[in-house]
Amino acid sequence: MNIILLSGGSGKRLWPLSNDIRSKQFIKIFKTPDGYESMVQRVYR
């Protein structure tokens, strides 16, 4: 199981994706918009 934690802030390592306008917590990682339900399903697997 791999868990990814994206903390707030602009960050430098995810730079073109995260910047001063769009912080990491607002980046879409997965293309499906189902939110918390899919997050729980991924953690459960």
N, C-alpha and C. Protein backbone atom coordinates (compact mmCIF):
# COMPACT_ATOMS: atom_id res chain seq x y z
N MET A 1 0.85 -1.16 0.00
CA MET A 1 0.00 0.00 0.00
C MET A 1 0.90 1.23 0.00
N ASN A 2 0.60 2.16 -0.87
CA ASN A 2 1.31 3.44 -0.92
C ASN A 2 0.35 4.54 -0.53
N ILE A 3 0.80 5.40 0.38
CA ILE A 3 -0.02 6.52 0.81
C ILE A 3 0.71 7.80 0.44
N ILE A 4 0.00 8.72 -0.18
CA ILE A 4 0.57 10.00 -0.58
C ILE A 4 -0.08 11.10 0.25
N LEU A 5 0.73 11.87 0.95
CA LEU A 5 0.23 13.00 1.72
C LEU A 5 0.72 14.28 1.08
N LEU A 6 -0.19 15.11 0.65
CA LEU A 6 0.18 16.40 0.08
C LEU A 6 -0.15 17.48 1.10
N SER A 7 0.86 18.09 1.64
CA SER A 7 0.64 19.15 2.61
C SER A 7 0.37 20.46 1.89
N GLY A 8 -0.14 21.43 2.61
CA GLY A 8 -0.46 22.72 2.01
C GLY A 8 0.79 23.50 1.64
N GLY A 9 0.59 24.57 0.93
CA GLY A 9 1.70 25.41 0.50
C GLY A 9 1.96 25.27 -0.98
N SER A 10 2.73 26.18 -1.50
CA SER A 10 2.99 26.15 -2.94
C SER A 10 3.99 25.06 -3.30
N GLY A 11 5.03 24.88 -2.53
CA GLY A 11 6.00 23.82 -2.79
C GLY A 11 6.87 24.09 -4.00
N LYS A 12 7.99 23.45 -4.04
CA LYS A 12 8.91 23.61 -5.16
C LYS A 12 9.01 22.32 -5.97
N ARG A 13 8.81 21.17 -5.35
CA ARG A 13 8.99 19.91 -6.06
C ARG A 13 7.86 19.61 -7.04
N LEU A 14 6.69 20.14 -6.79
CA LEU A 14 5.57 19.95 -7.73
C LEU A 14 5.34 21.22 -8.53
N TRP A 15 6.40 21.96 -8.78
CA TRP A 15 6.30 23.33 -9.25
C TRP A 15 5.37 23.60 -10.42
N PRO A 16 5.42 23.01 -11.58
CA PRO A 16 4.45 23.61 -12.49
C PRO A 16 3.01 23.33 -12.07
N LEU A 17 2.80 22.25 -11.31
CA LEU A 17 1.44 21.95 -10.86
C LEU A 17 1.03 22.82 -9.68
N SER A 18 1.93 22.98 -8.71
CA SER A 18 1.60 23.82 -7.56
C SER A 18 2.44 25.08 -7.61
N ASN A 19 1.81 26.20 -7.35
CA ASN A 19 2.51 27.48 -7.36
C ASN A 19 1.84 28.40 -6.34
N ASP A 20 2.12 29.68 -6.39
CA ASP A 20 1.55 30.60 -5.41
C ASP A 20 0.03 30.74 -5.55
N ILE A 21 -0.49 30.47 -6.73
CA ILE A 21 -1.93 30.61 -6.96
C ILE A 21 -2.68 29.32 -6.60
N ARG A 22 -2.10 28.17 -6.92
CA ARG A 22 -2.78 26.88 -6.71
C ARG A 22 -1.90 26.00 -5.82
N SER A 23 -2.31 25.79 -4.56
CA SER A 23 -1.51 24.96 -3.68
C SER A 23 -1.79 23.48 -3.87
N LYS A 24 -0.96 22.64 -3.26
CA LYS A 24 -1.01 21.20 -3.50
C LYS A 24 -2.34 20.57 -3.15
N GLN A 25 -3.01 21.07 -2.13
CA GLN A 25 -4.26 20.42 -1.74
C GLN A 25 -5.36 20.60 -2.77
N PHE A 26 -5.18 21.48 -3.75
CA PHE A 26 -6.19 21.70 -4.78
C PHE A 26 -5.81 21.07 -6.12
N ILE A 27 -4.73 20.33 -6.18
CA ILE A 27 -4.30 19.69 -7.42
C ILE A 27 -5.10 18.40 -7.61
N LYS A 28 -5.60 18.19 -8.82
CA LYS A 28 -6.31 16.95 -9.12
C LYS A 28 -5.27 15.91 -9.50
N ILE A 29 -5.19 14.85 -8.70
CA ILE A 29 -4.23 13.78 -8.98
C ILE A 29 -4.88 12.70 -9.83
N PHE A 30 -6.10 12.35 -9.48
CA PHE A 30 -6.84 11.34 -10.21
C PHE A 30 -7.88 12.02 -11.07
N LYS A 31 -8.20 11.43 -12.21
CA LYS A 31 -9.10 12.08 -13.16
C LYS A 31 -10.56 11.95 -12.77
N THR A 32 -10.89 11.06 -11.85
CA THR A 32 -12.29 10.91 -11.46
C THR A 32 -12.66 11.92 -10.38
N PRO A 33 -13.83 12.55 -10.49
CA PRO A 33 -14.21 13.59 -9.54
C PRO A 33 -15.01 13.09 -8.34
N ASP A 34 -14.90 11.80 -7.99
CA ASP A 34 -15.78 11.27 -6.95
C ASP A 34 -15.28 11.51 -5.53
N GLY A 35 -14.17 12.16 -5.36
CA GLY A 35 -13.74 12.68 -4.06
C GLY A 35 -13.46 11.66 -2.98
N TYR A 36 -14.09 11.88 -1.80
CA TYR A 36 -13.78 11.10 -0.61
C TYR A 36 -14.09 9.62 -0.77
N GLU A 37 -15.13 9.29 -1.49
CA GLU A 37 -15.49 7.89 -1.64
C GLU A 37 -14.37 7.11 -2.32
N SER A 38 -13.81 7.65 -3.40
CA SER A 38 -12.73 6.94 -4.08
C SER A 38 -11.47 6.92 -3.24
N MET A 39 -11.25 7.96 -2.42
CA MET A 39 -10.09 7.98 -1.54
C MET A 39 -10.19 6.84 -0.52
N VAL A 40 -11.37 6.65 0.04
CA VAL A 40 -11.57 5.57 1.00
C VAL A 40 -11.40 4.22 0.32
N GLN A 41 -11.90 4.07 -0.89
CA GLN A 41 -11.74 2.81 -1.61
C GLN A 41 -10.28 2.51 -1.90
N ARG A 42 -9.50 3.54 -2.27
CA ARG A 42 -8.08 3.32 -2.55
C ARG A 42 -7.33 2.94 -1.28
N VAL A 43 -7.65 3.56 -0.16
CA VAL A 43 -6.98 3.23 1.10
C VAL A 43 -7.37 1.83 1.54
N TYR A 44 -8.64 1.47 1.33
CA TYR A 44 -9.13 0.15 1.74
C TYR A 44 -8.43 -0.97 0.98
N ARG A 45 -8.16 -0.74 -0.32
CA ARG A 45 -7.49 -1.76 -1.13
C ARG A 45 -6.13 -1.94 -0.60
